[in-house]
């Protein structure tokens, strides 16, 4: 295992993610919940650049499971933290699986 048991990336700089939600607020919320749970030595929350999935955001990716979440809203964050990040069970209703590897931007996205 790497330096952390769980590593979470939040897209904060793509064309789509910042305008569809307060993703900086997502990062602050997630970090705060990890601190409250006393898990900051096991879980790392990072800001990330664009995932090249514009039009599907805001997006969060959780490793080592390689689970991608799309269309995440502020109201989804508690469930992602409790169920997946702390509990190990991905939130299936938010899972993003385009069926295509690599860049997958919607045609109308920037």
PDB file of N, CA and C in Angstrom:
ATOM      1  N   UNK A   1       0.852  -1.180   0.000  1.00  0.00           N
ATOM      2  CA  UNK A   1       0.000   0.000   0.000  1.00  0.00           C
ATOM      3  C   UNK A   1       0.887   1.228   0.000  1.00  0.00           C
ATOM      4  N   UNK A   2       0.385   2.287  -0.555  1.00  0.00           N
ATOM      5  CA  UNK A   2       1.130   3.534  -0.640  1.00  0.00           C
ATOM      6  C   UNK A   2       1.147   4.296   0.673  1.00  0.00           C
ATOM      7  N   UNK A   3       1.450   5.551   0.583  1.00  0.00           N
ATOM      8  CA  UNK A   3       1.561   6.417   1.751  1.00  0.00           C
ATOM      9  C   UNK A   3       0.230   6.561   2.504  1.00  0.00           C
ATOM     10  N   UNK A   4      -0.895   6.499   1.777  1.00  0.00           N
ATOM     11  CA  UNK A   4      -2.222   6.637   2.375  1.00  0.00           C
ATOM     12  C   UNK A   4      -3.073   5.427   2.012  1.00  0.00           C
ATOM     13  N   UNK A   5      -4.009   5.081   2.898  1.00  0.00           N
ATOM     14  CA  UNK A   5      -4.947   3.993   2.612  1.00  0.00           C
ATOM     15  C   UNK A   5      -5.945   4.416   1.552  1.00  0.00           C
ATOM     16  N   UNK A   6      -6.271   5.704   1.538  1.00  0.00           N
ATOM     17  CA  UNK A   6      -7.262   6.230   0.614  1.00  0.00           C
ATOM     18  C   UNK A   6      -6.789   7.597   0.138  1.00  0.00           C
ATOM     19  N   UNK A   7      -6.845   7.811  -1.170  1.00  0.00           N
ATOM     20  CA  UNK A   7      -6.414   9.087  -1.749  1.00  0.00           C
ATOM     21  C   UNK A   7      -7.556   9.596  -2.618  1.00  0.00           C
ATOM     22  N   UNK A   8      -8.032  10.801  -2.304  1.00  0.00           N
ATOM     23  CA  UNK A   8      -9.198  11.382  -2.960  1.00  0.00           C
ATOM     24  C   UNK A   8      -8.775  12.613  -3.750  1.00  0.00           C
ATOM     25  N   UNK A   9      -9.188  12.670  -5.019  1.00  0.00           N
ATOM     26  CA  UNK A   9      -8.881  13.802  -5.879  1.00  0.00           C
ATOM     27  C   UNK A   9     -10.180  14.491  -6.281  1.00  0.00           C
ATOM     28  N   UNK A  10     -10.206  15.807  -6.126  1.00  0.00           N
ATOM     29  CA  UNK A  10     -11.366  16.605  -6.497  1.00  0.00           C
ATOM     30  C   UNK A  10     -10.956  17.519  -7.638  1.00  0.00           C
ATOM     31  N   UNK A  11     -11.629  17.402  -8.789  1.00  0.00           N
ATOM     32  CA  UNK A  11     -11.339  18.262  -9.926  1.00  0.00           C
ATOM     33  C   UNK A  11     -11.722  19.696  -9.565  1.00  0.00           C
ATOM     34  N   UNK A  12     -10.746  20.595  -9.619  1.00  0.00           N
ATOM     35  CA  UNK A  12     -11.009  21.995  -9.250  1.00  0.00           C
ATOM     36  C   UNK A  12     -10.672  22.985 -10.353  1.00  0.00           C
ATOM     37  N   UNK A  13     -10.161  22.509 -11.500  1.00  0.00           N
ATOM     38  CA  UNK A  13      -9.717  23.469 -12.507  1.00  0.00           C
ATOM     39  C   UNK A  13     -10.193  23.197 -13.918  1.00  0.00           C
ATOM     40  N   UNK A  14     -11.092  22.267 -14.118  1.00  0.00           N
ATOM     41  CA  UNK A  14     -11.586  21.998 -15.462  1.00  0.00           C
ATOM     42  C   UNK A  14     -12.545  23.079 -15.920  1.00  0.00           C
ATOM     43  N   UNK A  15     -12.964  23.005 -17.167  1.00  0.00           N
ATOM     44  CA  UNK A  15     -13.907  23.978 -17.708  1.00  0.00           C
ATOM     45  C   UNK A  15     -15.279  23.854 -17.069  1.00  0.00           C
ATOM     46  N   UNK A  16     -15.681  22.644 -16.704  1.00  0.00           N
ATOM     47  CA  UNK A  16     -17.026  22.385 -16.234  1.00  0.00           C
ATOM     48  C   UNK A  16     -17.148  22.391 -14.707  1.00  0.00           C
ATOM     49  N   UNK A  17     -16.238  21.752 -14.045  1.00  0.00           N
ATOM     50  CA  UNK A  17     -16.387  21.528 -12.600  1.00  0.00           C
ATOM     51  C   UNK A  17     -16.547  22.808 -11.780  1.00  0.00           C
ATOM     52  N   UNK A  18     -15.698  23.794 -11.935  1.00  0.00           N
ATOM     53  CA  UNK A  18     -15.867  24.971 -11.074  1.00  0.00           C
ATOM     54  C   UNK A  18     -17.195  25.703 -11.241  1.00  0.00           C
ATOM     55  N   UNK A  19     -17.758  25.745 -12.446  1.00  0.00           N
ATOM     56  CA  UNK A  19     -18.982  26.516 -12.600  1.00  0.00           C
ATOM     57  C   UNK A  19     -20.232  25.739 -12.207  1.00  0.00           C
ATOM     58  N   UNK A  20     -20.137  24.423 -12.015  1.00  0.00           N
ATOM     59  CA  UNK A  20     -21.291  23.627 -11.620  1.00  0.00           C
ATOM     60  C   UNK A  20     -21.374  23.401 -10.115  1.00  0.00           C
ATOM     61  N   UNK A  21     -20.486  23.945  -9.354  1.00  0.00           N
ATOM     62  CA  UNK A  21     -20.519  23.753  -7.907  1.00  0.00           C
ATOM     63  C   UNK A  21     -19.320  24.400  -7.255  1.00  0.00           C
ATOM     64  N   UNK A  22     -19.394  24.537  -5.951  1.00  0.00           N
ATOM     65  CA  UNK A  22     -18.299  25.116  -5.182  1.00  0.00           C
ATOM     66  C   UNK A  22     -17.299  24.020  -4.859  1.00  0.00           C
ATOM     67  N   UNK A  23     -16.499  23.635  -5.836  1.00  0.00           N
ATOM     68  CA  UNK A  23     -15.586  22.521  -5.634  1.00  0.00           C
ATOM     69  C   UNK A  23     -14.486  22.838  -4.621  1.00  0.00           C
ATOM     70  N   UNK A  24     -14.119  24.097  -4.488  1.00  0.00           N
ATOM     71  CA  UNK A  24     -13.165  24.449  -3.421  1.00  0.00           C
ATOM     72  C   UNK A  24     -13.809  24.145  -2.070  1.00  0.00           C
ATOM     73  N   UNK A  25     -15.102  24.400  -1.983  1.00  0.00           N
ATOM     74  CA  UNK A  25     -15.857  24.068  -0.773  1.00  0.00           C
ATOM     75  C   UNK A  25     -15.934  22.568  -0.553  1.00  0.00           C
ATOM     76  N   UNK A  26     -15.980  21.801  -1.651  1.00  0.00           N
ATOM     77  CA  UNK A  26     -15.982  20.343  -1.537  1.00  0.00           C
ATOM     78  C   UNK A  26     -14.703  19.882  -0.843  1.00  0.00           C
ATOM     79  N   UNK A  27     -13.569  20.440  -1.291  1.00  0.00           N
ATOM     80  CA  UNK A  27     -12.267  20.054  -0.728  1.00  0.00           C
ATOM     81  C   UNK A  27     -12.229  20.384   0.762  1.00  0.00           C
ATOM     82  N   UNK A  28     -12.654  21.582   1.126  1.00  0.00           N
ATOM     83  CA  UNK A  28     -12.654  21.985   2.535  1.00  0.00           C
ATOM     84  C   UNK A  28     -13.545  21.080   3.371  1.00  0.00           C
ATOM     85  N   UNK A  29     -14.730  20.768   2.848  1.00  0.00           N
ATOM     86  CA  UNK A  29     -15.654  19.899   3.576  1.00  0.00           C
ATOM     87  C   UNK A  29     -15.044  18.512   3.780  1.00  0.00           C
ATOM     88  N   UNK A  30     -14.529  17.912   2.705  1.00  0.00           N
ATOM     89  CA  UNK A  30     -13.950  16.575   2.792  1.00  0.00           C
ATOM     90  C   UNK A  30     -12.782  16.538   3.774  1.00  0.00           C
ATOM     91  N   UNK A  31     -11.908  17.524   3.684  1.00  0.00           N
ATOM     92  CA  UNK A  31     -10.766  17.574   4.618  1.00  0.00           C
ATOM     93  C   UNK A  31     -11.250  17.695   6.056  1.00  0.00           C
ATOM     94  N   UNK A  32     -12.257  18.531   6.269  1.00  0.00           N
ATOM     95  CA  UNK A  32     -12.800  18.708   7.617  1.00  0.00           C
ATOM     96  C   UNK A  32     -13.382  17.421   8.179  1.00  0.00           C
ATOM     97  N   UNK A  33     -14.094  16.680   7.350  1.00  0.00           N
ATOM     98  CA  UNK A  33     -14.688  15.418   7.801  1.00  0.00           C
ATOM     99  C   UNK A  33     -13.622  14.379   8.135  1.00  0.00           C
ATOM    100  N   UNK A  34     -12.547  14.370   7.373  1.00  0.00           N
ATOM    101  CA  UNK A  34     -11.453  13.427   7.638  1.00  0.00           C
ATOM    102  C   UNK A  34     -10.770  13.777   8.963  1.00  0.00           C
ATOM    103  N   UNK A  35     -10.589  15.065   9.211  1.00  0.00           N
ATOM    104  CA  UNK A  35     -10.002  15.497  10.487  1.00  0.00           C
ATOM    105  C   UNK A  35     -10.932  15.117  11.634  1.00  0.00           C
ATOM    106  N   UNK A  36     -12.245  15.378  11.482  1.00  0.00           N
ATOM    107  CA  UNK A  36     -13.218  15.026  12.533  1.00  0.00           C
ATOM    108  C   UNK A  36     -13.185  13.533  12.844  1.00  0.00           C
ATOM    109  N   UNK A  37     -12.954  12.726  11.817  1.00  0.00           N
ATOM    110  CA  UNK A  37     -12.905  11.269  11.996  1.00  0.00           C
ATOM    111  C   UNK A  37     -11.549  10.809  12.520  1.00  0.00           C
ATOM    112  N   UNK A  38     -10.583  11.742  12.623  1.00  0.00           N
ATOM    113  CA  UNK A  38      -9.244  11.380  13.093  1.00  0.00           C
ATOM    114  C   UNK A  38      -8.489  10.495  12.115  1.00  0.00           C
ATOM    115  N   UNK A  39      -8.762  10.633  10.821  1.00  0.00           N
ATOM    116  CA  UNK A  39      -8.174   9.748   9.807  1.00  0.00           C
ATOM    117  C   UNK A  39      -7.198  10.455   8.880  1.00  0.00           C
ATOM    118  N   UNK A  40      -6.717  11.662   9.248  1.00  0.00           N
ATOM    119  CA  UNK A  40      -5.845  12.414   8.354  1.00  0.00           C
ATOM    120  C   UNK A  40      -4.511  11.728   8.078  1.00  0.00           C
ATOM    121  N   UNK A  41      -4.126  10.740   8.869  1.00  0.00           N
ATOM    122  CA  UNK A  41      -2.899   9.993   8.577  1.00  0.00           C
ATOM    123  C   UNK A  41      -3.141   8.887   7.556  1.00  0.00           C
ATOM    124  N   UNK A  42      -4.409   8.489   7.376  1.00  0.00           N
ATOM    125  CA  UNK A  42      -4.748   7.412   6.460  1.00  0.00           C
ATOM    126  C   UNK A  42      -5.399   7.888   5.156  1.00  0.00           C
ATOM    127  N   UNK A  43      -6.007   9.076   5.192  1.00  0.00           N
ATOM    128  CA  UNK A  43      -6.763   9.565   4.039  1.00  0.00           C
ATOM    129  C   UNK A  43      -6.213  10.913   3.601  1.00  0.00           C
ATOM    130  N   UNK A  44      -5.982  11.055   2.318  1.00  0.00           N
ATOM    131  CA  UNK A  44      -5.466  12.309   1.749  1.00  0.00           C
ATOM    132  C   UNK A  44      -6.495  12.858   0.770  1.00  0.00           C
ATOM    133  N   UNK A  45      -6.856  14.129   0.936  1.00  0.00           N
ATOM    134  CA  UNK A  45      -7.765  14.819   0.035  1.00  0.00           C
ATOM    135  C   UNK A  45      -6.941  15.836  -0.752  1.00  0.00           C
ATOM    136  N   UNK A  46      -6.964  15.745  -2.086  1.00  0.00           N
ATOM    137  CA  UNK A  46      -6.186  16.656  -2.921  1.00  0.00           C
ATOM    138  C   UNK A  46      -7.058  17.345  -3.957  1.00  0.00           C
ATOM    139  N   UNK A  47      -6.701  18.600  -4.251  1.00  0.00           N
ATOM    140  CA  UNK A  47      -7.248  19.289  -5.415  1.00  0.00           C
ATOM    141  C   UNK A  47      -6.560  18.687  -6.627  1.00  0.00           C
ATOM    142  N   UNK A  48      -7.274  18.608  -7.736  1.00  0.00           N
ATOM    143  CA  UNK A  48      -6.684  18.067  -8.950  1.00  0.00           C
ATOM    144  C   UNK A  48      -7.030  18.966 -10.123  1.00  0.00           C
ATOM    145  N   UNK A  49      -6.234  18.863 -11.154  1.00  0.00           N
ATOM    146  CA  UNK A  49      -6.533  19.551 -12.399  1.00  0.00           C
ATOM    147  C   UNK A  49      -7.642  18.824 -13.131  1.00  0.00           C
ATOM    148  N   UNK A  50      -7.912  19.250 -14.315  1.00  0.00           N
ATOM    149  CA  UNK A  50      -8.987  18.689 -15.128  1.00  0.00           C
ATOM    150  C   UNK A  50      -8.764  17.196 -15.388  1.00  0.00           C
ATOM    151  N   UNK A  51      -9.824  16.414 -15.260  1.00  0.00           N
ATOM    152  CA  UNK A  51      -9.767  14.978 -15.530  1.00  0.00           C
ATOM    153  C   UNK A  51     -10.092  14.662 -16.995  1.00  0.00           C
ATOM    154  N   UNK A  52     -10.309  15.692 -17.829  1.00  0.00           N
ATOM    155  CA  UNK A  52     -10.687  15.540 -19.240  1.00  0.00           C
ATOM    156  C   UNK A  52     -12.004  14.784 -19.399  1.00  0.00           C
ATOM    157  N   UNK A  53     -12.930  15.062 -18.506  1.00  0.00           N
ATOM    158  CA  UNK A  53     -14.265  14.480 -18.542  1.00  0.00           C
ATOM    159  C   UNK A  53     -15.296  15.605 -18.510  1.00  0.00           C
ATOM    160  N   UNK A  54     -14.963  16.730 -19.109  1.00  0.00           N
ATOM    161  CA  UNK A  54     -15.797  17.936 -19.039  1.00  0.00           C
ATOM    162  C   UNK A  54     -17.242  17.654 -19.437  1.00  0.00           C
ATOM    163  N   UNK A  55     -18.144  18.218 -18.658  1.00  0.00           N
ATOM    164  CA  UNK A  55     -19.563  18.024 -18.877  1.00  0.00           C
ATOM    165  C   UNK A  55     -20.155  16.968 -17.966  1.00  0.00           C
ATOM    166  N   UNK A  56     -19.302  16.255 -17.223  1.00  0.00           N
ATOM    167  CA  UNK A  56     -19.760  15.202 -16.324  1.00  0.00           C
ATOM    168  C   UNK A  56     -19.531  15.579 -14.860  1.00  0.00           C
ATOM    169  N   UNK A  57     -19.038  16.766 -14.615  1.00  0.00           N
ATOM    170  CA  UNK A  57     -18.634  17.167 -13.272  1.00  0.00           C
ATOM    171  C   UNK A  57     -19.748  17.811 -12.485  1.00  0.00           C
ATOM    172  N   UNK A  58     -19.417  18.245 -11.320  1.00  0.00           N
ATOM    173  CA  UNK A  58     -18.150  18.105 -10.606  1.00  0.00           C
ATOM    174  C   UNK A  58     -17.778  16.632 -10.381  1.00  0.00           C
ATOM    175  N   UNK A  59     -16.467  16.379 -10.358  1.00  0.00           N
ATOM    176  CA  UNK A  59     -15.971  15.006 -10.264  1.00  0.00           C
ATOM    177  C   UNK A  59     -15.018  14.804  -9.101  1.00  0.00           C
ATOM    178  N   UNK A  60     -15.100  13.593  -8.548  1.00  0.00           N
ATOM    179  CA  UNK A  60     -14.216  13.144  -7.472  1.00  0.00           C
ATOM    180  C   UNK A  60     -13.750  11.745  -7.846  1.00  0.00           C
ATOM    181  N   UNK A  61     -12.461  11.465  -7.619  1.00  0.00           N
ATOM    182  CA  UNK A  61     -11.910  10.131  -7.862  1.00  0.00           C
ATOM    183  C   UNK A  61     -11.287   9.633  -6.566  1.00  0.00           C
ATOM    184  N   UNK A  62     -11.565   8.367  -6.233  1.00  0.00           N
ATOM    185  CA  UNK A  62     -11.061   7.765  -5.000  1.00  0.00           C
ATOM    186  C   UNK A  62     -10.183   6.565  -5.346  1.00  0.00           C
ATOM    187  N   UNK A  63      -8.955   6.596  -4.841  1.00  0.00           N
ATOM    188  CA  UNK A  63      -8.012   5.488  -5.013  1.00  0.00           C
ATOM    189  C   UNK A  63      -7.698   4.886  -3.651  1.00  0.00           C
ATOM    190  N   UNK A  64      -7.373   3.621  -3.543  1.00  0.00           N
ATOM    191  CA  UNK A  64      -6.881   2.766  -4.611  1.00  0.00           C
ATOM    192  C   UNK A  64      -7.980   2.055  -5.411  1.00  0.00           C
ATOM    193  N   UNK A  65      -9.249   2.251  -5.075  1.00  0.00           N
ATOM    194  CA  UNK A  65     -10.317   1.521  -5.762  1.00  0.00           C
ATOM    195  C   UNK A  65     -10.572   2.003  -7.184  1.00  0.00           C
ATOM    196  N   UNK A  66     -10.052   3.192  -7.550  1.00  0.00           N
ATOM    197  CA  UNK A  66     -10.263   3.764  -8.870  1.00  0.00           C
ATOM    198  C   UNK A  66     -11.760   3.981  -9.127  1.00  0.00           C
ATOM    199  N   UNK A  67     -12.445   4.534  -8.129  1.00  0.00           N
ATOM    200  CA  UNK A  67     -13.866   4.840  -8.255  1.00  0.00           C
ATOM    201  C   UNK A  67     -14.000   6.314  -8.620  1.00  0.00           C
ATOM    202  N   UNK A  68     -14.702   6.571  -9.718  1.00  0.00           N
ATOM    203  CA  UNK A  68     -14.935   7.920 -10.206  1.00  0.00           C
ATOM    204  C   UNK A  68     -16.383   8.290  -9.914  1.00  0.00           C
ATOM    205  N   UNK A  69     -16.576   9.499  -9.386  1.00  0.00           N
ATOM    206  CA  UNK A  69     -17.921  10.018  -9.148  1.00  0.00           C
ATOM    207  C   UNK A  69     -18.149  11.212 -10.056  1.00  0.00           C
ATOM    208  N   UNK A  70     -19.315  11.274 -10.682  1.00  0.00           N
ATOM    209  CA  UNK A  70     -19.653  12.384 -11.558  1.00  0.00           C
ATOM    210  C   UNK A  70     -20.939  13.056 -11.119  1.00  0.00           C
ATOM    211  N   UNK A  71     -21.061  14.337 -11.463  1.00  0.00           N
ATOM    212  CA  UNK A  71     -22.253  15.094 -11.119  1.00  0.00           C
ATOM    213  C   UNK A  71     -22.431  15.264  -9.623  1.00  0.00           C
ATOM    214  N   UNK A  72     -21.332  15.297  -8.893  1.00  0.00           N
ATOM    215  CA  UNK A  72     -21.385  15.376  -7.427  1.00  0.00           C
ATOM    216  C   UNK A  72     -21.900  16.744  -6.991  1.00  0.00           C
ATOM    217  N   UNK A  73     -22.793  16.722  -6.020  1.00  0.00           N
ATOM    218  CA  UNK A  73     -23.323  17.951  -5.432  1.00  0.00           C
ATOM    219  C   UNK A  73     -22.904  18.011  -3.961  1.00  0.00           C
ATOM    220  N   UNK A  74     -22.966  19.185  -3.384  1.00  0.00           N
ATOM    221  CA  UNK A  74     -22.619  19.365  -1.975  1.00  0.00           C
ATOM    222  C   UNK A  74     -23.382  18.358  -1.102  1.00  0.00           C
ATOM    223  N   UNK A  75     -24.636  18.130  -1.428  1.00  0.00           N
ATOM    224  CA  UNK A  75     -25.481  17.231  -0.637  1.00  0.00           C
ATOM    225  C   UNK A  75     -25.042  15.763  -0.720  1.00  0.00           C
ATOM    226  N   UNK A  76     -24.180  15.410  -1.667  1.00  0.00           N
ATOM    227  CA  UNK A  76     -23.682  14.035  -1.813  1.00  0.00           C
ATOM    228  C   UNK A  76     -22.431  13.769  -0.986  1.00  0.00           C
ATOM    229  N   UNK A  77     -21.771  14.812  -0.533  1.00  0.00           N
ATOM    230  CA  UNK A  77     -20.454  14.652   0.083  1.00  0.00           C
ATOM    231  C   UNK A  77     -20.481  13.828   1.364  1.00  0.00           C
ATOM    232  N   UNK A  78     -21.472  14.042   2.214  1.00  0.00           N
ATOM    233  CA  UNK A  78     -21.532  13.276   3.469  1.00  0.00           C
ATOM    234  C   UNK A  78     -21.625  11.780   3.184  1.00  0.00           C
ATOM    235  N   UNK A  79     -22.452  11.407   2.203  1.00  0.00           N
ATOM    236  CA  UNK A  79     -22.592   9.991   1.857  1.00  0.00           C
ATOM    237  C   UNK A  79     -21.290   9.425   1.294  1.00  0.00           C
ATOM    238  N   UNK A  80     -20.602  10.192   0.455  1.00  0.00           N
ATOM    239  CA  UNK A  80     -19.318   9.729  -0.083  1.00  0.00           C
ATOM    240  C   UNK A  80     -18.316   9.520   1.047  1.00  0.00           C
ATOM    241  N   UNK A  81     -18.263  10.463   1.987  1.00  0.00           N
ATOM    242  CA  UNK A  81     -17.331  10.336   3.116  1.00  0.00           C
ATOM    243  C   UNK A  81     -17.676   9.125   3.961  1.00  0.00           C
ATOM    244  N   UNK A  82     -18.913   9.053   4.419  1.00  0.00           N
ATOM    245  CA  UNK A  82     -19.295   7.993   5.356  1.00  0.00           C
ATOM    246  C   UNK A  82     -19.283   6.606   4.714  1.00  0.00           C
ATOM    247  N   UNK A  83     -19.891   6.484   3.551  1.00  0.00           N
ATOM    248  CA  UNK A  83     -20.010   5.181   2.920  1.00  0.00           C
ATOM    249  C   UNK A  83     -18.693   4.712   2.304  1.00  0.00           C
ATOM    250  N   UNK A  84     -18.050   5.576   1.520  1.00  0.00           N
ATOM    251  CA  UNK A  84     -16.886   5.129   0.766  1.00  0.00           C
ATOM    252  C   UNK A  84     -15.551   5.440   1.441  1.00  0.00           C
ATOM    253  N   UNK A  85     -15.286   6.714   1.681  1.00  0.00           N
ATOM    254  CA  UNK A  85     -13.958   7.093   2.174  1.00  0.00           C
ATOM    255  C   UNK A  85     -13.679   6.487   3.545  1.00  0.00           C
ATOM    256  N   UNK A  86     -14.653   6.544   4.434  1.00  0.00           N
ATOM    257  CA  UNK A  86     -14.459   5.973   5.769  1.00  0.00           C
ATOM    258  C   UNK A  86     -14.939   4.528   5.866  1.00  0.00           C
ATOM    259  N   UNK A  87     -15.992   4.192   5.117  1.00  0.00           N
ATOM    260  CA  UNK A  87     -16.598   2.872   5.241  1.00  0.00           C
ATOM    261  C   UNK A  87     -16.172   1.841   4.212  1.00  0.00           C
ATOM    262  N   UNK A  88     -15.557   2.274   3.106  1.00  0.00           N
ATOM    263  CA  UNK A  88     -15.073   1.336   2.106  1.00  0.00           C
ATOM    264  C   UNK A  88     -16.098   0.868   1.078  1.00  0.00           C
ATOM    265  N   UNK A  89     -17.329   1.408   1.131  1.00  0.00           N
ATOM    266  CA  UNK A  89     -18.363   0.996   0.189  1.00  0.00           C
ATOM    267  C   UNK A  89     -18.686   2.148  -0.762  1.00  0.00           C
ATOM    268  N   UNK A  90     -18.346   2.018  -2.041  1.00  0.00           N
ATOM    269  CA  UNK A  90     -18.632   3.095  -2.991  1.00  0.00           C
ATOM    270  C   UNK A  90     -20.125   3.431  -3.068  1.00  0.00           C
ATOM    271  N   UNK A  91     -20.414   4.666  -3.415  1.00  0.00           N
ATOM    272  CA  UNK A  91     -21.783   5.142  -3.575  1.00  0.00           C
ATOM    273  C   UNK A  91     -22.165   4.901  -5.038  1.00  0.00           C
ATOM    274  N   UNK A  92     -22.842   3.807  -5.285  1.00  0.00           N
ATOM    275  CA  UNK A  92     -23.113   3.366  -6.655  1.00  0.00           C
ATOM    276  C   UNK A  92     -23.933   4.370  -7.450  1.00  0.00           C
ATOM    277  N   UNK A  93     -24.878   5.065  -6.840  1.00  0.00           N
ATOM    278  CA  UNK A  93     -25.743   5.985  -7.578  1.00  0.00           C
ATOM    279  C   UNK A  93     -24.969   7.167  -8.164  1.00  0.00           C
ATOM    280  N   UNK A  94     -23.769   7.440  -7.655  1.00  0.00           N
ATOM    281  CA  UNK A  94     -22.957   8.554  -8.139  1.00  0.00           C
ATOM    282  C   UNK A  94     -21.786   8.112  -9.014  1.00  0.00           C
ATOM    283  N   UNK A  95     -21.616   6.816  -9.127  1.00  0.00           N
ATOM    284  CA  UNK A  95     -20.455   6.289  -9.848  1.00  0.00           C
ATOM    285  C   UNK A  95     -20.494   6.715 -11.316  1.00  0.00           C
ATOM    286  N   UNK A  96     -19.342   7.150 -11.792  1.00  0.00           N
ATOM    287  CA  UNK A  96     -19.177   7.594 -13.183  1.00  0.00           C
ATOM    288  C   UNK A  96     -18.407   6.522 -13.929  1.00  0.00           C
ATOM    289  N   UNK A  97     -19.053   5.897 -14.903  1.00  0.00           N
ATOM    290  CA  UNK A  97     -18.414   4.871 -15.716  1.00  0.00           C
ATOM    291  C   UNK A  97     -18.840   5.078 -17.164  1.00  0.00           C
ATOM    292  N   UNK A  98     -18.063   5.864 -17.919  1.00  0.00           N
ATOM    293  CA  UNK A  98     -18.462   6.176 -19.291  1.00  0.00           C
ATOM    294  C   UNK A  98     -18.317   5.018 -20.275  1.00  0.00           C
ATOM    295  N   UNK A  99     -17.609   3.965 -19.889  1.00  0.00           N
ATOM    296  CA  UNK A  99     -17.401   2.852 -20.799  1.00  0.00           C
ATOM    297  C   UNK A  99     -16.323   3.097 -21.843  1.00  0.00           C
ATOM    298  N   UNK A 100     -15.632   4.231 -21.732  1.00  0.00           N
ATOM    299  CA  UNK A 100     -14.553   4.573 -22.659  1.00  0.00           C
ATOM    300  C   UNK A 100     -13.363   5.047 -21.825  1.00  0.00           C
ATOM    301  N   UNK A 101     -12.200   4.529 -22.113  1.00  0.00           N
ATOM    302  CA  UNK A 101     -11.009   4.985 -21.395  1.00  0.00           C
ATOM    303  C   UNK A 101     -10.526   6.308 -21.965  1.00  0.00           C
ATOM    304  N   UNK A 102      -9.819   7.072 -21.141  1.00  0.00           N
ATOM    305  CA  UNK A 102      -9.244   8.333 -21.596  1.00  0.00           C
ATOM    306  C   UNK A 102     -10.237   9.480 -21.561  1.00  0.00           C
ATOM    307  N   UNK A 103      -9.924  10.524 -22.314  1.00  0.00           N
ATOM    308  CA  UNK A 103     -10.751  11.734 -22.329  1.00  0.00           C
ATOM    309  C   UNK A 103     -12.158  11.402 -22.811  1.00  0.00           C
ATOM    310  N   UNK A 104     -13.135  11.980 -22.137  1.00  0.00           N
ATOM    311  CA  UNK A 104     -14.530  11.737 -22.490  1.00  0.00           C
ATOM    312  C   UNK A 104     -15.335  13.005 -22.227  1.00  0.00           C
ATOM    313  N   UNK A 105     -15.040  14.019 -23.009  1.00  0.00           N
ATOM    314  CA  UNK A 105     -15.729  15.303 -22.852  1.00  0.00           C
ATOM    315  C   UNK A 105     -17.030  15.277 -23.618  1.00  0.00           C
ATOM    316  N   UNK A 106     -18.093  15.839 -23.009  1.00  0.00           N
ATOM    317  CA  UNK A 106     -19.344  15.984 -23.742  1.00  0.00           C
ATOM    318  C   UNK A 106     -19.126  16.961 -24.872  1.00  0.00           C
ATOM    319  N   UNK A 107     -19.795  16.774 -25.978  1.00  0.00           N
ATOM    320  CA  UNK A 107     -19.596  17.623 -27.144  1.00  0.00           C
ATOM    321  C   UNK A 107     -19.913  19.091 -26.874  1.00  0.00           C
ATOM    322  N   UNK A 108     -20.885  19.373 -26.009  1.00  0.00           N
ATOM    323  CA  UNK A 108     -21.247  20.758 -25.728  1.00  0.00           C
ATOM    324  C   UNK A 108     -20.412  21.366 -24.599  1.00  0.00           C
ATOM    325  N   UNK A 109     -19.514  20.566 -23.984  1.00  0.00           N
ATOM    326  CA  UNK A 109     -18.641  21.091 -22.925  1.00  0.00           C
ATOM    327  C   UNK A 109     -17.450  21.799 -23.576  1.00  0.00           C
ATOM    328  N   UNK A 110     -16.818  22.680 -22.821  1.00  0.00           N
ATOM    329  CA  UNK A 110     -15.684  23.454 -23.334  1.00  0.00           C
ATOM    330  C   UNK A 110     -14.538  22.568 -23.690  1.00  0.00           C
TER     331      UNK A 110
END
